[in-house]
Amino acid sequence: MNFLSGEYECKIDPKGRLVLPAKIKANLPEASGNHVVLTRGFEPCLVLYPKSEWKTIYDKVAGLNEFNEEYRQFQRNFFRGNTEIELDGTGRFIVPRTMARFAELEKEAIVVGLGNRVEIWNPDRYEDFLIKDQQSFSQLAEKFLGDKPAEAPLI
């Protein structure tokens, strides 16, 4: 399995096109080809999923009970504005204007690989969502990644 990783400074050209960094493009799953899905993030950023990864998420959200009002509201907000995109040979794509406005993207973007997906941020906004205190970051690492204490053997 390929992992999308790294943090890259990218330019957005006057036509609203962004080129995915070569390392990100090279690690897109072959099953997805040059097809990706762009969606709004939960924070003010865009999220780009390889098509194969998006299918897993799509199935989960689409499978919610449509007769439940809360599920319908979530589906409506989750799926609104999602766009399937085909990257050109250089990994370039047009960022739809409504999505660019949502993420406040203009001339520059920060592209961040997060394993199975990529976030695209306005550089100024990105800083607002990073952990600034290394001790807090260390505590989160311990909470989420630290080994659980070994249990005493049963006698």
N, C-alpha and C. Protein backbone atom coordinates (compact mmCIF):
# COMPACT_ATOMS: atom_id res chain seq x y z
N MET A 1 0.84 -1.18 0.00
CA MET A 1 0.00 0.00 0.00
C MET A 1 0.89 1.24 0.00
N ASN A 2 0.57 2.17 -0.86
CA ASN A 2 1.30 3.44 -0.92
C ASN A 2 0.73 4.41 0.11
N PHE A 3 1.62 5.21 0.69
CA PHE A 3 1.18 6.21 1.64
C PHE A 3 1.47 7.59 1.09
N LEU A 4 0.50 8.47 1.22
CA LEU A 4 0.66 9.85 0.79
C LEU A 4 1.22 10.61 1.99
N SER A 5 2.41 11.19 1.83
CA SER A 5 3.01 11.87 2.96
C SER A 5 3.82 13.06 2.49
N GLY A 6 4.16 13.90 3.44
CA GLY A 6 4.96 15.08 3.17
C GLY A 6 4.13 16.35 3.20
N GLU A 7 4.85 17.46 3.27
CA GLU A 7 4.24 18.79 3.30
C GLU A 7 4.93 19.62 2.21
N TYR A 8 4.15 20.19 1.31
CA TYR A 8 4.69 20.86 0.14
C TYR A 8 4.06 22.23 -0.06
N GLU A 9 4.88 23.20 -0.44
CA GLU A 9 4.39 24.52 -0.83
C GLU A 9 4.14 24.48 -2.33
N CYS A 10 2.95 24.85 -2.74
CA CYS A 10 2.57 24.79 -4.15
C CYS A 10 1.98 26.13 -4.60
N LYS A 11 2.05 26.36 -5.88
CA LYS A 11 1.46 27.55 -6.49
C LYS A 11 0.14 27.18 -7.16
N ILE A 12 -0.76 28.12 -7.18
CA ILE A 12 -2.00 27.99 -7.94
C ILE A 12 -1.90 29.02 -9.06
N ASP A 13 -2.01 28.56 -10.30
CA ASP A 13 -1.83 29.48 -11.42
C ASP A 13 -3.05 30.37 -11.62
N PRO A 14 -2.96 31.40 -12.48
CA PRO A 14 -4.09 32.33 -12.67
C PRO A 14 -5.39 31.67 -13.15
N LYS A 15 -5.28 30.48 -13.73
CA LYS A 15 -6.49 29.75 -14.17
C LYS A 15 -7.05 28.86 -13.07
N GLY A 16 -6.46 28.91 -11.88
CA GLY A 16 -6.96 28.12 -10.75
C GLY A 16 -6.46 26.68 -10.75
N ARG A 17 -5.35 26.41 -11.43
CA ARG A 17 -4.82 25.04 -11.49
C ARG A 17 -3.71 24.85 -10.47
N LEU A 18 -3.71 23.68 -9.88
CA LEU A 18 -2.69 23.30 -8.92
C LEU A 18 -2.04 22.01 -9.41
N VAL A 19 -0.72 21.92 -9.30
CA VAL A 19 0.00 20.71 -9.67
C VAL A 19 0.31 19.95 -8.39
N LEU A 20 -0.14 18.69 -8.31
CA LEU A 20 0.22 17.87 -7.16
C LEU A 20 1.72 17.63 -7.17
N PRO A 21 2.36 17.68 -6.02
CA PRO A 21 3.79 17.38 -5.96
C PRO A 21 4.07 15.98 -6.53
N ALA A 22 5.20 15.83 -7.20
CA ALA A 22 5.55 14.58 -7.87
C ALA A 22 5.51 13.39 -6.90
N LYS A 23 5.97 13.57 -5.66
CA LYS A 23 5.98 12.47 -4.71
C LYS A 23 4.57 12.05 -4.32
N ILE A 24 3.66 13.00 -4.25
CA ILE A 24 2.26 12.66 -3.96
C ILE A 24 1.67 11.91 -5.15
N LYS A 25 1.86 12.45 -6.34
CA LYS A 25 1.31 11.82 -7.55
C LYS A 25 1.85 10.41 -7.72
N ALA A 26 3.14 10.23 -7.47
CA ALA A 26 3.77 8.92 -7.64
C ALA A 26 3.22 7.88 -6.66
N ASN A 27 2.69 8.33 -5.54
CA ASN A 27 2.17 7.40 -4.53
C ASN A 27 0.67 7.20 -4.59
N LEU A 28 0.00 7.78 -5.58
CA LEU A 28 -1.43 7.50 -5.74
C LEU A 28 -1.57 6.02 -6.12
N PRO A 29 -2.55 5.33 -5.54
CA PRO A 29 -2.71 3.91 -5.86
C PRO A 29 -2.97 3.69 -7.35
N GLU A 30 -2.36 2.66 -7.91
CA GLU A 30 -2.57 2.36 -9.33
C GLU A 30 -4.03 2.11 -9.64
N ALA A 31 -4.76 1.53 -8.68
CA ALA A 31 -6.18 1.23 -8.90
C ALA A 31 -6.99 2.50 -9.18
N SER A 32 -6.52 3.63 -8.68
CA SER A 32 -7.24 4.89 -8.88
C SER A 32 -6.85 5.57 -10.19
N GLY A 33 -5.73 5.15 -10.77
CA GLY A 33 -5.24 5.81 -11.98
C GLY A 33 -5.01 7.27 -11.69
N ASN A 34 -5.47 8.13 -12.58
CA ASN A 34 -5.36 9.58 -12.39
C ASN A 34 -6.67 10.17 -11.88
N HIS A 35 -7.53 9.33 -11.31
CA HIS A 35 -8.83 9.79 -10.83
C HIS A 35 -8.80 10.00 -9.32
N VAL A 36 -9.20 11.18 -8.90
CA VAL A 36 -9.25 11.54 -7.49
C VAL A 36 -10.58 12.23 -7.22
N VAL A 37 -10.92 12.33 -5.95
CA VAL A 37 -12.13 13.03 -5.54
C VAL A 37 -11.72 14.17 -4.62
N LEU A 38 -12.20 15.36 -4.91
CA LEU A 38 -11.92 16.55 -4.11
C LEU A 38 -13.17 16.91 -3.33
N THR A 39 -13.01 17.14 -2.04
CA THR A 39 -14.14 17.46 -1.18
C THR A 39 -13.75 18.54 -0.18
N ARG A 40 -14.75 19.15 0.44
CA ARG A 40 -14.48 20.11 1.50
C ARG A 40 -14.06 19.36 2.75
N GLY A 41 -13.09 19.90 3.48
CA GLY A 41 -12.67 19.28 4.73
C GLY A 41 -13.57 19.71 5.87
N PHE A 42 -13.39 19.10 7.02
CA PHE A 42 -14.12 19.51 8.21
C PHE A 42 -13.55 20.81 8.75
N GLU A 43 -12.27 21.06 8.49
CA GLU A 43 -11.65 22.34 8.77
C GLU A 43 -11.67 23.13 7.46
N PRO A 44 -11.22 24.39 7.44
CA PRO A 44 -11.27 25.17 6.20
C PRO A 44 -10.16 24.78 5.22
N CYS A 45 -10.24 23.56 4.73
CA CYS A 45 -9.28 23.06 3.75
C CYS A 45 -10.02 22.16 2.79
N LEU A 46 -9.33 21.73 1.74
CA LEU A 46 -9.89 20.75 0.81
C LEU A 46 -9.20 19.42 1.07
N VAL A 47 -9.91 18.35 0.80
CA VAL A 47 -9.35 17.02 0.98
C VAL A 47 -9.45 16.28 -0.35
N LEU A 48 -8.32 15.73 -0.76
CA LEU A 48 -8.23 15.00 -2.02
C LEU A 48 -8.02 13.53 -1.70
N TYR A 49 -8.92 12.68 -2.19
CA TYR A 49 -8.83 11.24 -1.97
C TYR A 49 -8.55 10.54 -3.29
N PRO A 50 -7.67 9.54 -3.29
CA PRO A 50 -7.61 8.66 -4.46
C PRO A 50 -8.99 8.02 -4.62
N LYS A 51 -9.39 7.77 -5.84
CA LYS A 51 -10.74 7.24 -6.09
C LYS A 51 -10.98 5.95 -5.31
N SER A 52 -9.99 5.09 -5.20
CA SER A 52 -10.18 3.83 -4.48
C SER A 52 -10.43 4.07 -2.98
N GLU A 53 -9.79 5.06 -2.39
CA GLU A 53 -10.02 5.40 -0.98
C GLU A 53 -11.40 6.03 -0.80
N TRP A 54 -11.77 6.88 -1.74
CA TRP A 54 -13.07 7.55 -1.67
C TRP A 54 -14.20 6.55 -1.70
N LYS A 55 -14.06 5.49 -2.47
CA LYS A 55 -15.11 4.47 -2.59
C LYS A 55 -15.44 3.89 -1.22
N THR A 56 -14.44 3.64 -0.39
CA THR A 56 -14.66 3.09 0.95
C THR A 56 -15.48 4.07 1.80
N ILE A 57 -15.11 5.33 1.76
CA ILE A 57 -15.82 6.36 2.54
C ILE A 57 -17.23 6.55 1.98
N TYR A 58 -17.34 6.63 0.67
CA TYR A 58 -18.63 6.81 0.02
C TYR A 58 -19.60 5.70 0.45
N ASP A 59 -19.15 4.46 0.39
CA ASP A 59 -20.01 3.34 0.75
C ASP A 59 -20.50 3.46 2.19
N LYS A 60 -19.64 3.90 3.07
CA LYS A 60 -20.00 4.03 4.48
C LYS A 60 -21.07 5.11 4.67
N VAL A 61 -20.86 6.27 4.06
CA VAL A 61 -21.81 7.39 4.23
C VAL A 61 -23.10 7.12 3.47
N ALA A 62 -23.00 6.62 2.26
CA ALA A 62 -24.20 6.34 1.46
C ALA A 62 -25.03 5.24 2.10
N GLY A 63 -24.40 4.36 2.90
CA GLY A 63 -25.10 3.26 3.53
C GLY A 63 -25.88 3.64 4.77
N LEU A 64 -25.79 4.89 5.20
CA LEU A 64 -26.56 5.32 6.37
C LEU A 64 -28.06 5.30 6.04
N ASN A 65 -28.88 5.11 7.03
CA ASN A 65 -30.32 5.00 6.86
C ASN A 65 -30.91 6.33 6.37
N GLU A 66 -31.42 6.32 5.16
CA GLU A 66 -31.97 7.55 4.58
C GLU A 66 -33.27 7.99 5.24
N PHE A 67 -33.85 7.16 6.07
CA PHE A 67 -35.09 7.52 6.74
C PHE A 67 -34.84 8.18 8.09
N ASN A 68 -33.58 8.33 8.45
CA ASN A 68 -33.18 9.00 9.69
C ASN A 68 -32.77 10.43 9.33
N GLU A 69 -33.47 11.40 9.90
CA GLU A 69 -33.24 12.81 9.55
C GLU A 69 -31.80 13.25 9.82
N GLU A 70 -31.22 12.84 10.92
CA GLU A 70 -29.84 13.21 11.26
C GLU A 70 -28.85 12.64 10.23
N TYR A 71 -29.07 11.40 9.81
CA TYR A 71 -28.22 10.80 8.79
C TYR A 71 -28.34 11.54 7.46
N ARG A 72 -29.57 11.88 7.08
CA ARG A 72 -29.78 12.61 5.82
C ARG A 72 -29.06 13.95 5.86
N GLN A 73 -29.14 14.65 6.98
CA GLN A 73 -28.48 15.95 7.11
C GLN A 73 -26.97 15.79 6.98
N PHE A 74 -26.43 14.75 7.61
CA PHE A 74 -25.00 14.49 7.51
C PHE A 74 -24.62 14.17 6.05
N GLN A 75 -25.39 13.29 5.40
CA GLN A 75 -25.11 12.93 4.01
C GLN A 75 -25.13 14.16 3.11
N ARG A 76 -26.14 14.99 3.29
CA ARG A 76 -26.29 16.18 2.46
C ARG A 76 -25.06 17.09 2.57
N ASN A 77 -24.62 17.30 3.80
CA ASN A 77 -23.46 18.17 4.01
C ASN A 77 -22.15 17.51 3.62
N PHE A 78 -22.06 16.21 3.80
CA PHE A 78 -20.83 15.51 3.47
C PHE A 78 -20.62 15.43 1.96
N PHE A 79 -21.68 15.14 1.22
CA PHE A 79 -21.54 14.94 -0.22
C PHE A 79 -21.62 16.21 -1.06
N ARG A 80 -22.07 17.31 -0.47
CA ARG A 80 -22.26 18.52 -1.28
C ARG A 80 -20.93 19.00 -1.86
N GLY A 81 -20.93 19.25 -3.10
CA GLY A 81 -19.77 19.84 -3.74
C GLY A 81 -18.62 18.90 -4.03
N ASN A 82 -18.74 17.62 -3.69
CA ASN A 82 -17.65 16.70 -4.01
C ASN A 82 -17.49 16.64 -5.52
N THR A 83 -16.24 16.60 -5.95
CA THR A 83 -15.97 16.64 -7.38
C THR A 83 -14.97 15.56 -7.75
N GLU A 84 -15.35 14.75 -8.72
CA GLU A 84 -14.40 13.77 -9.25
C GLU A 84 -13.53 14.48 -10.28
N ILE A 85 -12.23 14.28 -10.16
CA ILE A 85 -11.28 15.00 -11.00
C ILE A 85 -10.34 14.00 -11.65
N GLU A 86 -9.99 14.28 -12.90
CA GLU A 86 -8.96 13.50 -13.56
C GLU A 86 -7.73 14.38 -13.69
N LEU A 87 -6.63 13.92 -13.11
CA LEU A 87 -5.38 14.66 -13.18
C LEU A 87 -4.82 14.57 -14.60
N ASP A 88 -4.21 15.65 -15.08
CA ASP A 88 -3.55 15.55 -16.39
C ASP A 88 -2.20 14.84 -16.19
N GLY A 89 -1.43 14.70 -17.23
CA GLY A 89 -0.18 13.96 -17.19
C GLY A 89 0.84 14.50 -16.19
N THR A 90 0.75 15.77 -15.88
CA THR A 90 1.69 16.37 -14.93
C THR A 90 1.15 16.37 -13.50
N GLY A 91 -0.08 15.85 -13.31
CA GLY A 91 -0.68 15.85 -11.98
C GLY A 91 -1.41 17.14 -11.67
N ARG A 92 -1.75 17.88 -12.71
CA ARG A 92 -2.40 19.18 -12.54
C ARG A 92 -3.91 19.02 -12.62
N PHE A 93 -4.62 19.86 -11.86
CA PHE A 93 -6.08 19.88 -11.91
C PHE A 93 -6.57 21.28 -11.57
N ILE A 94 -7.79 21.57 -12.01
CA ILE A 94 -8.42 22.86 -11.70
C ILE A 94 -9.15 22.73 -10.37
N VAL A 95 -8.88 23.65 -9.46
CA VAL A 95 -9.60 23.71 -8.19
C VAL A 95 -10.91 24.48 -8.47
N PRO A 96 -12.07 23.83 -8.31
CA PRO A 96 -13.34 24.53 -8.55
C PRO A 96 -13.43 25.80 -7.70
N ARG A 97 -13.98 26.85 -8.28
CA ARG A 97 -14.03 28.15 -7.59
C ARG A 97 -14.73 28.10 -6.24
N THR A 98 -15.85 27.36 -6.16
CA THR A 98 -16.56 27.29 -4.88
C THR A 98 -15.69 26.65 -3.81
N MET A 99 -14.91 25.67 -4.21
CA MET A 99 -14.02 25.02 -3.24
C MET A 99 -12.84 25.92 -2.88
N ALA A 100 -12.31 26.62 -3.86
CA ALA A 100 -11.22 27.56 -3.59
C ALA A 100 -11.68 28.64 -2.60
N ARG A 101 -12.92 29.12 -2.77
CA ARG A 101 -13.45 30.11 -1.83
C ARG A 101 -13.59 29.52 -0.43
N PHE A 102 -14.10 28.29 -0.35
CA PHE A 102 -14.28 27.64 0.95
C PHE A 102 -12.96 27.56 1.70
N ALA A 103 -11.89 27.17 1.01
CA ALA A 103 -10.58 26.99 1.65
C ALA A 103 -9.73 28.25 1.61
N GLU A 104 -10.27 29.33 1.07
CA GLU A 104 -9.56 30.61 0.96
C GLU A 104 -8.25 30.45 0.20
N LEU A 105 -8.29 29.68 -0.89
CA LEU A 105 -7.10 29.47 -1.72
C LEU A 105 -7.02 30.56 -2.78
N GLU A 106 -5.84 31.12 -2.94
CA GLU A 106 -5.64 32.14 -3.96
C GLU A 106 -4.45 31.78 -4.83
N LYS A 107 -3.25 32.21 -4.46
CA LYS A 107 -2.08 31.99 -5.30
C LYS A 107 -1.16 30.88 -4.79
N GLU A 108 -1.30 30.55 -3.52
CA GLU A 108 -0.41 29.55 -2.91
C GLU A 108 -1.24 28.56 -2.10
N ALA A 109 -0.67 27.37 -1.93
CA ALA A 109 -1.33 26.34 -1.14
C ALA A 109 -0.26 25.49 -0.46
N ILE A 110 -0.65 24.92 0.66
CA ILE A 110 0.16 23.91 1.32
C ILE A 110 -0.56 22.58 1.07
N VAL A 111 0.17 21.62 0.53
CA VAL A 111 -0.37 20.29 0.25
C VAL A 111 0.27 19.34 1.25
N VAL A 112 -0.58 18.62 2.00
CA VAL A 112 -0.10 17.76 3.08
C VAL A 112 -0.63 16.35 2.87
N GLY A 113 0.29 15.39 2.73
CA GLY A 113 -0.10 13.99 2.63
C GLY A 113 -0.39 13.42 4.00
N LEU A 114 -1.55 12.78 4.14
CA LEU A 114 -1.97 12.22 5.43
C LEU A 114 -2.28 10.73 5.32
N GLY A 115 -1.41 10.00 4.67
CA GLY A 115 -1.60 8.55 4.57
C GLY A 115 -2.48 8.16 3.42
N ASN A 116 -3.80 8.19 3.63
CA ASN A 116 -4.75 7.79 2.58
C ASN A 116 -5.39 8.97 1.86
N ARG A 117 -4.99 10.18 2.22
CA ARG A 117 -5.61 11.38 1.64
C ARG A 117 -4.62 12.53 1.67
N VAL A 118 -5.01 13.62 1.01
CA VAL A 118 -4.18 14.82 0.95
C VAL A 118 -5.05 16.01 1.34
N GLU A 119 -4.53 16.86 2.21
CA GLU A 119 -5.23 18.11 2.52
C GLU A 119 -4.56 19.24 1.75
N ILE A 120 -5.39 20.22 1.33
CA ILE A 120 -4.91 21.38 0.59
C ILE A 120 -5.37 22.61 1.37
N TRP A 121 -4.40 23.40 1.83
CA TRP A 121 -4.65 24.51 2.75
C TRP A 121 -4.18 25.84 2.20
N ASN A 122 -4.85 26.90 2.62
CA ASN A 122 -4.31 28.25 2.52
C ASN A 122 -3.16 28.28 3.52
N PRO A 123 -1.96 28.71 3.10
CA PRO A 123 -0.80 28.68 4.01
C PRO A 123 -1.03 29.40 5.34
N ASP A 124 -1.75 30.50 5.33
CA ASP A 124 -1.99 31.24 6.57
C ASP A 124 -2.94 30.50 7.50
N ARG A 125 -3.96 29.88 6.94
CA ARG A 125 -4.94 29.14 7.74
C ARG A 125 -4.36 27.85 8.28
N TYR A 126 -3.48 27.22 7.52
CA TYR A 126 -2.87 25.95 7.93
C TYR A 126 -2.18 26.09 9.28
N GLU A 127 -1.45 27.17 9.45
CA GLU A 127 -0.72 27.40 10.70
C GLU A 127 -1.66 27.44 11.90
N ASP A 128 -2.90 27.94 11.68
CA ASP A 128 -3.87 28.03 12.78
C ASP A 128 -4.29 26.66 13.30
N PHE A 129 -4.13 25.61 12.50
CA PHE A 129 -4.61 24.29 12.87
C PHE A 129 -3.48 23.33 13.24
N LEU A 130 -2.28 23.84 13.40
CA LEU A 130 -1.15 23.02 13.83
C LEU A 130 -0.95 23.16 15.33
N ILE A 131 -0.44 22.12 15.95
CA ILE A 131 -0.12 22.16 17.37
C ILE A 131 1.17 22.93 17.52
N LYS A 132 1.15 23.98 18.29
CA LYS A 132 2.32 24.85 18.43
C LYS A 132 3.22 24.41 19.59
N ASP A 133 2.63 23.76 20.59
CA ASP A 133 3.35 23.37 21.79
C ASP A 133 3.82 21.91 21.65
N GLN A 134 5.14 21.70 21.63
CA GLN A 134 5.69 20.36 21.44
C GLN A 134 5.30 19.41 22.58
N GLN A 135 5.11 19.93 23.78
CA GLN A 135 4.70 19.08 24.88
C GLN A 135 3.29 18.54 24.64
N SER A 136 2.40 19.39 24.14
CA SER A 136 1.04 18.94 23.82
C SER A 136 1.08 17.88 22.72
N PHE A 137 1.95 18.09 21.74
CA PHE A 137 2.09 17.12 20.65
C PHE A 137 2.61 15.79 21.21
N SER A 138 3.58 15.87 22.10
CA SER A 138 4.13 14.67 22.73
C SER A 138 3.06 13.92 23.51
N GLN A 139 2.22 14.64 24.23
CA GLN A 139 1.16 14.01 25.01
C GLN A 139 0.14 13.32 24.10
N LEU A 140 -0.17 13.94 22.98
CA LEU A 140 -1.08 13.30 22.02
C LEU A 140 -0.45 12.04 21.43
N ALA A 141 0.84 12.11 21.12
CA ALA A 141 1.52 10.93 20.60
C ALA A 141 1.46 9.79 21.60
N GLU A 142 1.69 10.10 22.86
CA GLU A 142 1.62 9.07 23.90
C GLU A 142 0.20 8.51 24.00
N LYS A 143 -0.79 9.40 23.96
CA LYS A 143 -2.19 8.98 24.08
C LYS A 143 -2.60 8.06 22.93
N PHE A 144 -2.22 8.42 21.71
CA PHE A 144 -2.68 7.66 20.55
C PHE A 144 -1.74 6.56 20.11
N LEU A 145 -0.45 6.69 20.41
CA LEU A 145 0.53 5.73 19.90
C LEU A 145 1.30 4.98 20.97
N GLY A 146 1.22 5.45 22.21
CA GLY A 146 2.00 4.84 23.28
C GLY A 146 1.56 3.41 23.55
N ASP A 147 2.50 2.62 23.95
CA ASP A 147 2.19 1.22 24.31
C ASP A 147 1.34 1.18 25.55
N LYS A 148 0.44 0.25 25.56
CA LYS A 148 -0.38 0.03 26.76
C LYS A 148 0.49 -0.71 27.76
N PRO A 149 0.36 -0.42 29.03
CA PRO A 149 1.17 -1.15 30.01
C PRO A 149 0.84 -2.64 29.95
N ALA A 150 1.87 -3.44 30.10
CA ALA A 150 1.70 -4.88 30.07
C ALA A 150 0.85 -5.30 31.28
N GLU A 151 -0.08 -6.21 31.01
CA GLU A 151 -0.92 -6.69 32.10
C GLU A 151 -0.19 -7.81 32.83
N ALA A 152 -0.39 -7.88 34.11
CA ALA A 152 0.23 -8.95 34.92
C ALA A 152 -0.37 -10.28 34.48
N PRO A 153 0.46 -11.31 34.35
CA PRO A 153 -0.08 -12.62 33.95
C PRO A 153 -1.01 -13.17 35.01
N LEU A 154 -2.02 -13.87 34.55
CA LEU A 154 -2.97 -14.49 35.47
C LEU A 154 -2.33 -15.77 36.03
N ILE A 155 -2.48 -15.96 37.31
CA ILE A 155 -1.88 -17.15 37.95
C ILE A 155 -2.95 -18.13 38.28
